[in-house]
Amino acid sequence: MLKRHTALFAAFAALLTLCACTRAPAPRPDASSSPDPEPTSAAAETDPPPSSPPADAPGTPEPAISDAPDPFFAGMLSQQGPGFSFEPAEGFLLSVDLPPFRFTRGDAFVEVGYDPSALPEELAPSFMNGYLAFTDIEFSSYSGLGPEGLSAETVTAGDGSRLLTAYLIEADGGCVWLLFSCPADDAETLRDLDAMRGSFILEK
């Protein structure tokens, strides 16, 4: 058996040697027949596009545009009467877009209106009758309303669970009112209403 394997191995080696000897060498390329390479033209080279200047480079200021909405609301209380503006507290949304304007958040609201036929002292005694069946009411005067320091007659009324405060301001021979209403125990809303009162501007 060993002699048979040795004979097979010798025959396989001889076959490999024969194949290697009879394989034709690959033709070498003729340098004289190769086409000349195309000349490179400096003019054909494409210059890279000029780079854009950085955003903060001098002479290229960014446009001063803000997407933030104006926090102030402005409205006219009559066609020829007074206007007003103020900054509603967060969450107070315009629910009535005609005079008297109303802004609402949950159980609280702010109202701005105008009565051209009555002065503050004339309107005050009966003003709360259409808003609340109150058990307590108080009348007083207030000065320092808004950044202009407006003077107003005030009416405060409550029924034990709800509190209303109205600021009645003389304007154009009539009365502009700023009315706040909220649950009596809602301290956060009371603070927000106070901040809104501080931003109120009347345009007579």
C-alpha atoms as a PDB file:
ATOM      1  CA  MET A   1       0.000   0.000   0.000  1.00  0.00           C
ATOM      2  CA  LEU A   2       2.818   2.477   0.799  1.00  0.00           C
ATOM      3  CA  LYS A   3       4.399   1.899  -2.576  1.00  0.00           C
ATOM      4  CA  ARG A   4       1.051   2.641  -4.260  1.00  0.00           C
ATOM      5  CA  HIS A   5       0.649   5.976  -2.428  1.00  0.00           C
ATOM      6  CA  THR A   6       4.244   6.931  -3.263  1.00  0.00           C
ATOM      7  CA  ALA A   7       3.661   6.233  -6.939  1.00  0.00           C
ATOM      8  CA  LEU A   8       0.454   8.336  -6.985  1.00  0.00           C
ATOM      9  CA  PHE A   9       2.202  11.261  -5.277  1.00  0.00           C
ATOM     10  CA  ALA A  10       5.107  11.120  -7.751  1.00  0.00           C
ATOM     11  CA  ALA A  11       2.688  11.122 -10.685  1.00  0.00           C
ATOM     12  CA  PHE A  12       0.714  14.123  -9.272  1.00  0.00           C
ATOM     13  CA  ALA A  13       3.954  16.106  -8.745  1.00  0.00           C
ATOM     14  CA  ALA A  14       5.090  15.396 -12.292  1.00  0.00           C
ATOM     15  CA  LEU A  15       1.720  16.618 -13.650  1.00  0.00           C
ATOM     16  CA  LEU A  16       2.037  19.939 -11.770  1.00  0.00           C
ATOM     17  CA  THR A  17       5.572  20.417 -13.081  1.00  0.00           C
ATOM     18  CA  LEU A  18       4.407  19.801 -16.652  1.00  0.00           C
ATOM     19  CA  CYS A  19       1.575  22.331 -16.346  1.00  0.00           C
ATOM     20  CA  ALA A  20       3.946  24.978 -14.985  1.00  0.00           C
ATOM     21  CA  CYS A  21       6.421  24.421 -17.791  1.00  0.00           C
ATOM     22  CA  THR A  22       3.864  24.484 -20.613  1.00  0.00           C
ATOM     23  CA  ARG A  23       2.001  27.650 -19.416  1.00  0.00           C
ATOM     24  CA  ALA A  24       2.704  30.458 -21.882  1.00  0.00           C
ATOM     25  CA  PRO A  25       4.108  33.614 -20.344  1.00  0.00           C
ATOM     26  CA  ALA A  26       1.757  36.592 -20.365  1.00  0.00           C
ATOM     27  CA  PRO A  27       2.548  39.091 -23.143  1.00  0.00           C
ATOM     28  CA  ARG A  28       4.361  42.178 -21.927  1.00  0.00           C
ATOM     29  CA  PRO A  29       2.925  45.468 -23.048  1.00  0.00           C
ATOM     30  CA  ASP A  30       4.874  47.235 -25.760  1.00  0.00           C
ATOM     31  CA  ALA A  31       5.852  50.669 -24.555  1.00  0.00           C
ATOM     32  CA  SER A  32       6.052  51.940 -28.138  1.00  0.00           C
ATOM     33  CA  SER A  33       2.440  50.971 -28.858  1.00  0.00           C
ATOM     34  CA  SER A  34       0.968  52.562 -25.744  1.00  0.00           C
ATOM     35  CA  PRO A  35      -1.000  55.747 -26.472  1.00  0.00           C
ATOM     36  CA  ASP A  36       0.568  58.895 -25.150  1.00  0.00           C
ATOM     37  CA  PRO A  37      -1.195  60.175 -22.053  1.00  0.00           C
ATOM     38  CA  GLU A  38      -3.428  63.169 -22.621  1.00  0.00           C
ATOM     39  CA  PRO A  39      -1.674  66.393 -21.699  1.00  0.00           C
ATOM     40  CA  THR A  40      -2.905  67.976 -18.514  1.00  0.00           C
ATOM     41  CA  SER A  41      -3.980  71.558 -18.975  1.00  0.00           C
ATOM     42  CA  ALA A  42      -3.787  73.893 -16.034  1.00  0.00           C
ATOM     43  CA  ALA A  43      -6.673  75.842 -17.539  1.00  0.00           C
ATOM     44  CA  ALA A  44      -8.885  72.758 -17.454  1.00  0.00           C
ATOM     45  CA  GLU A  45      -8.603  72.454 -13.728  1.00  0.00           C
ATOM     46  CA  THR A  46     -11.737  73.621 -11.936  1.00  0.00           C
ATOM     47  CA  ASP A  47     -11.129  76.031  -9.127  1.00  0.00           C
ATOM     48  CA  PRO A  48     -12.961  75.093  -5.943  1.00  0.00           C
ATOM     49  CA  PRO A  49     -15.972  77.315  -5.166  1.00  0.00           C
ATOM     50  CA  PRO A  50     -15.223  80.125  -2.755  1.00  0.00           C
ATOM     51  CA  SER A  51     -16.021  79.184   0.796  1.00  0.00           C
ATOM     52  CA  SER A  52     -18.801  81.082   2.537  1.00  0.00           C
ATOM     53  CA  PRO A  53     -17.691  83.416   5.300  1.00  0.00           C
ATOM     54  CA  PRO A  54     -18.493  82.244   8.820  1.00  0.00           C
ATOM     55  CA  ALA A  55     -21.746  83.468  10.321  1.00  0.00           C
ATOM     56  CA  ASP A  56     -19.928  85.621  12.846  1.00  0.00           C
ATOM     57  CA  ALA A  57     -17.537  87.217  10.331  1.00  0.00           C
ATOM     58  CA  PRO A  58     -17.533  91.032  10.283  1.00  0.00           C
ATOM     59  CA  GLY A  59     -19.886  92.504   7.710  1.00  0.00           C
ATOM     60  CA  THR A  60     -22.382  89.622   7.790  1.00  0.00           C
ATOM     61  CA  PRO A  61     -24.706  90.359  10.755  1.00  0.00           C
ATOM     62  CA  GLU A  62     -27.520  87.968  11.493  1.00  0.00           C
ATOM     63  CA  PRO A  63     -31.012  89.407  10.930  1.00  0.00           C
ATOM     64  CA  ALA A  64     -32.556  90.607  14.180  1.00  0.00           C
ATOM     65  CA  ILE A  65     -35.804  88.649  13.829  1.00  0.00           C
ATOM     66  CA  SER A  66     -37.490  86.903  16.713  1.00  0.00           C
ATOM     67  CA  ASP A  67     -40.240  84.301  16.427  1.00  0.00           C
ATOM     68  CA  ALA A  68     -41.423  84.997  19.949  1.00  0.00           C
ATOM     69  CA  PRO A  69     -44.915  86.468  20.013  1.00  0.00           C
ATOM     70  CA  ASP A  70     -45.503  89.885  21.564  1.00  0.00           C
ATOM     71  CA  PRO A  71     -46.720  89.180  25.118  1.00  0.00           C
ATOM     72  CA  PHE A  72     -48.877  92.337  25.232  1.00  0.00           C
ATOM     73  CA  PHE A  73     -52.480  92.454  24.083  1.00  0.00           C
ATOM     74  CA  ALA A  74     -53.844  95.722  22.669  1.00  0.00           C
ATOM     75  CA  GLY A  75     -57.455  96.520  21.873  1.00  0.00           C
ATOM     76  CA  MET A  76     -59.880  99.341  21.144  1.00  0.00           C
ATOM     77  CA  LEU A  77     -62.891  99.658  23.423  1.00  0.00           C
ATOM     78  CA  SER A  78     -64.954 101.585  20.859  1.00  0.00           C
ATOM     79  CA  GLN A  79     -64.491 102.904  17.328  1.00  0.00           C
ATOM     80  CA  GLN A  80     -63.446 106.351  18.531  1.00  0.00           C
ATOM     81  CA  GLY A  81     -63.034 105.735  22.226  1.00  0.00           C
ATOM     82  CA  PRO A  82     -60.092 104.707  24.366  1.00  0.00           C
ATOM     83  CA  GLY A  83     -57.756 101.813  23.739  1.00  0.00           C
ATOM     84  CA  PHE A  84     -55.744  99.729  26.157  1.00  0.00           C
ATOM     85  CA  SER A  85     -52.923  97.242  26.389  1.00  0.00           C
ATOM     86  CA  PHE A  86     -51.619  94.905  29.061  1.00  0.00           C
ATOM     87  CA  GLU A  87     -49.726  91.645  29.469  1.00  0.00           C
ATOM     88  CA  PRO A  88     -51.967  88.648  30.219  1.00  0.00           C
ATOM     89  CA  ALA A  89     -50.485  86.222  32.721  1.00  0.00           C
ATOM     90  CA  GLU A  90     -49.479  82.790  31.494  1.00  0.00           C
ATOM     91  CA  GLY A  91     -52.490  80.651  30.599  1.00  0.00           C
ATOM     92  CA  PHE A  92     -54.991  83.499  30.281  1.00  0.00           C
ATOM     93  CA  LEU A  93     -56.494  83.185  26.803  1.00  0.00           C
ATOM     94  CA  LEU A  94     -58.739  85.598  24.936  1.00  0.00           C
ATOM     95  CA  SER A  95     -62.250  84.127  25.108  1.00  0.00           C
ATOM     96  CA  VAL A  96     -64.300  87.172  24.041  1.00  0.00           C
ATOM     97  CA  ASP A  97     -62.666  89.234  21.285  1.00  0.00           C
ATOM     98  CA  LEU A  98     -65.137  92.132  21.235  1.00  0.00           C
ATOM     99  CA  PRO A  99     -65.679  94.789  23.926  1.00  0.00           C
ATOM    100  CA  PRO A 100     -65.891  93.985  26.712  1.00  0.00           C
ATOM    101  CA  PHE A 101     -62.848  91.783  26.122  1.00  0.00           C
ATOM    102  CA  ARG A 102     -62.460  88.752  28.355  1.00  0.00           C
ATOM    103  CA  PHE A 103     -59.451  86.551  29.133  1.00  0.00           C
ATOM    104  CA  THR A 104     -60.034  83.230  30.885  1.00  0.00           C
ATOM    105  CA  ARG A 105     -57.918  80.680  32.744  1.00  0.00           C
ATOM    106  CA  GLY A 106     -59.803  77.926  34.512  1.00  0.00           C
ATOM    107  CA  ASP A 107     -62.231  79.524  36.992  1.00  0.00           C
ATOM    108  CA  ALA A 108     -60.595  82.957  36.733  1.00  0.00           C
ATOM    109  CA  PHE A 109     -61.169  85.721  34.206  1.00  0.00           C
ATOM    110  CA  VAL A 110     -60.152  89.284  33.395  1.00  0.00           C
ATOM    111  CA  GLU A 111     -62.536  91.692  31.662  1.00  0.00           C
ATOM    112  CA  VAL A 112     -61.876  95.094  30.079  1.00  0.00           C
ATOM    113  CA  GLY A 113     -64.810  97.216  28.939  1.00  0.00           C
ATOM    114  CA  TYR A 114     -66.044 100.743  28.404  1.00  0.00           C
ATOM    115  CA  ASP A 115     -69.284 102.579  29.207  1.00  0.00           C
ATOM    116  CA  PRO A 116     -69.408 105.968  27.426  1.00  0.00           C
ATOM    117  CA  SER A 117     -72.532 107.078  29.265  1.00  0.00           C
ATOM    118  CA  ALA A 118     -71.459 106.927  32.935  1.00  0.00           C
ATOM    119  CA  LEU A 119     -68.604 108.135  35.092  1.00  0.00           C
ATOM    120  CA  PRO A 120     -66.853 105.798  37.593  1.00  0.00           C
ATOM    121  CA  GLU A 121     -68.643 107.196  40.639  1.00  0.00           C
ATOM    122  CA  GLU A 122     -71.987 106.740  38.878  1.00  0.00           C
ATOM    123  CA  LEU A 123     -71.288 103.195  37.757  1.00  0.00           C
ATOM    124  CA  ALA A 124     -69.719 101.907  40.981  1.00  0.00           C
ATOM    125  CA  PRO A 125     -72.819 101.326  43.209  1.00  0.00           C
ATOM    126  CA  SER A 126     -74.489  98.885  40.812  1.00  0.00           C
ATOM    127  CA  PHE A 127     -71.494  97.558  38.898  1.00  0.00           C
ATOM    128  CA  MET A 128     -71.266  94.132  40.591  1.00  0.00           C
ATOM    129  CA  ASN A 129     -74.968  93.364  40.331  1.00  0.00           C
ATOM    130  CA  GLY A 130     -74.601  91.628  36.974  1.00  0.00           C
ATOM    131  CA  TYR A 131     -71.624  89.482  37.999  1.00  0.00           C
ATOM    132  CA  LEU A 132     -72.175  88.004  41.443  1.00  0.00           C
ATOM    133  CA  ALA A 133     -74.786  87.488  44.149  1.00  0.00           C
ATOM    134  CA  PHE A 134     -72.340  88.920  46.649  1.00  0.00           C
ATOM    135  CA  THR A 135     -72.574  88.852  50.403  1.00  0.00           C
ATOM    136  CA  ASP A 136     -69.819  91.426  50.979  1.00  0.00           C
ATOM    137  CA  ILE A 137     -68.983  94.574  49.004  1.00  0.00           C
ATOM    138  CA  GLU A 138     -66.523  97.405  49.522  1.00  0.00           C
ATOM    139  CA  PHE A 139     -65.975 100.723  47.721  1.00  0.00           C
ATOM    140  CA  SER A 140     -62.720 102.642  47.740  1.00  0.00           C
ATOM    141  CA  SER A 141     -60.321 104.674  45.609  1.00  0.00           C
ATOM    142  CA  TYR A 142     -57.040 103.501  44.139  1.00  0.00           C
ATOM    143  CA  SER A 143     -54.113 105.354  42.623  1.00  0.00           C
ATOM    144  CA  GLY A 144     -51.062 103.844  40.946  1.00  0.00           C
ATOM    145  CA  LEU A 145     -52.753 101.550  38.443  1.00  0.00           C
ATOM    146  CA  GLY A 146     -50.325 100.386  35.767  1.00  0.00           C
ATOM    147  CA  PRO A 147     -47.048 102.033  34.789  1.00  0.00           C
ATOM    148  CA  GLU A 148     -48.860 105.373  34.277  1.00  0.00           C
ATOM    149  CA  GLY A 149     -50.145 105.449  37.849  1.00  0.00           C
ATOM    150  CA  LEU A 150     -53.829 105.764  36.874  1.00  0.00           C
ATOM    151  CA  SER A 151     -56.458 106.690  39.449  1.00  0.00           C
ATOM    152  CA  ALA A 152     -59.560 104.533  39.744  1.00  0.00           C
ATOM    153  CA  GLU A 153     -62.659 103.915  41.798  1.00  0.00           C
ATOM    154  CA  THR A 154     -62.572 100.321  43.064  1.00  0.00           C
ATOM    155  CA  VAL A 155     -65.345  97.908  43.899  1.00  0.00           C
ATOM    156  CA  THR A 156     -64.523  94.620  45.662  1.00  0.00           C
ATOM    157  CA  ALA A 157     -67.199  91.993  46.184  1.00  0.00           C
ATOM    158  CA  GLY A 158     -67.326  88.365  47.327  1.00  0.00           C
ATOM    159  CA  ASP A 159     -69.689  85.562  48.212  1.00  0.00           C
ATOM    160  CA  GLY A 160     -67.371  83.499  50.423  1.00  0.00           C
ATOM    161  CA  SER A 161     -65.940  81.405  47.570  1.00  0.00           C
ATOM    162  CA  ARG A 162     -65.306  83.926  44.788  1.00  0.00           C
ATOM    163  CA  LEU A 163     -63.664  87.355  44.817  1.00  0.00           C
ATOM    164  CA  LEU A 164     -64.193  90.132  42.253  1.00  0.00           C
ATOM    165  CA  THR A 165     -62.347  93.437  42.059  1.00  0.00           C
ATOM    166  CA  ALA A 166     -63.184  96.176  39.539  1.00  0.00           C
ATOM    167  CA  TYR A 167     -61.098  99.252  38.743  1.00  0.00           C
ATOM    168  CA  LEU A 168     -63.226 102.000  37.217  1.00  0.00           C
ATOM    169  CA  ILE A 169     -61.245 104.659  35.339  1.00  0.00           C
ATOM    170  CA  GLU A 170     -62.586 107.872  33.835  1.00  0.00           C
ATOM    171  CA  ALA A 171     -61.792 108.186  30.120  1.00  0.00           C
ATOM    172  CA  ASP A 172     -63.283 110.234  27.267  1.00  0.00           C
ATOM    173  CA  GLY A 173     -66.272 111.301  29.377  1.00  0.00           C
ATOM    174  CA  GLY A 174     -67.127 107.694  30.259  1.00  0.00           C
ATOM    175  CA  CYS A 175     -65.776 104.806  32.315  1.00  0.00           C
ATOM    176  CA  VAL A 176     -63.254 102.102  31.447  1.00  0.00           C
ATOM    177  CA  TRP A 177     -63.332  99.099  33.740  1.00  0.00           C
ATOM    178  CA  LEU A 178     -60.742  96.454  34.516  1.00  0.00           C
ATOM    179  CA  LEU A 179     -62.395  93.538  36.313  1.00  0.00           C
ATOM    180  CA  PHE A 180     -60.656  90.575  37.982  1.00  0.00           C
ATOM    181  CA  SER A 181     -62.496  87.458  39.114  1.00  0.00           C
ATOM    182  CA  CYS A 182     -61.077  84.313  40.716  1.00  0.00           C
ATOM    183  CA  PRO A 183     -61.661  81.814  43.544  1.00  0.00           C
ATOM    184  CA  ALA A 184     -61.043  83.554  46.856  1.00  0.00           C
ATOM    185  CA  ASP A 185     -58.516  80.932  48.039  1.00  0.00           C
ATOM    186  CA  ASP A 186     -56.464  80.832  44.819  1.00  0.00           C
ATOM    187  CA  ALA A 187     -53.341  82.676  45.969  1.00  0.00           C
ATOM    188  CA  GLU A 188     -51.385  81.972  42.768  1.00  0.00           C
ATOM    189  CA  THR A 189     -54.068  83.497  40.543  1.00  0.00           C
ATOM    190  CA  LEU A 190     -54.368  86.500  42.851  1.00  0.00           C
ATOM    191  CA  ARG A 191     -50.640  87.137  42.364  1.00  0.00           C
ATOM    192  CA  ASP A 192     -51.011  86.798  38.583  1.00  0.00           C
ATOM    193  CA  LEU A 193     -53.923  89.231  38.555  1.00  0.00           C
ATOM    194  CA  ASP A 194     -51.903  91.714  40.545  1.00  0.00           C
ATOM    195  CA  ALA A 195     -49.098  91.501  37.976  1.00  0.00           C
ATOM    196  CA  MET A 196     -51.599  92.062  35.161  1.00  0.00           C
ATOM    197  CA  ARG A 197     -52.942  95.116  36.945  1.00  0.00           C
ATOM    198  CA  GLY A 198     -49.389  96.466  37.072  1.00  0.00           C
ATOM    199  CA  SER A 199     -48.996  96.182  33.266  1.00  0.00           C
ATOM    200  CA  PHE A 200     -52.314  97.860  32.321  1.00  0.00           C
ATOM    201  CA  ILE A 201     -51.982 100.893  30.029  1.00  0.00           C
ATOM    202  CA  LEU A 202     -54.912 103.088  29.004  1.00  0.00           C
ATOM    203  CA  GLU A 203     -54.700 105.027  25.752  1.00  0.00           C
ATOM    204  CA  LYS A 204     -57.172 107.868  26.015  1.00  0.00           C
END
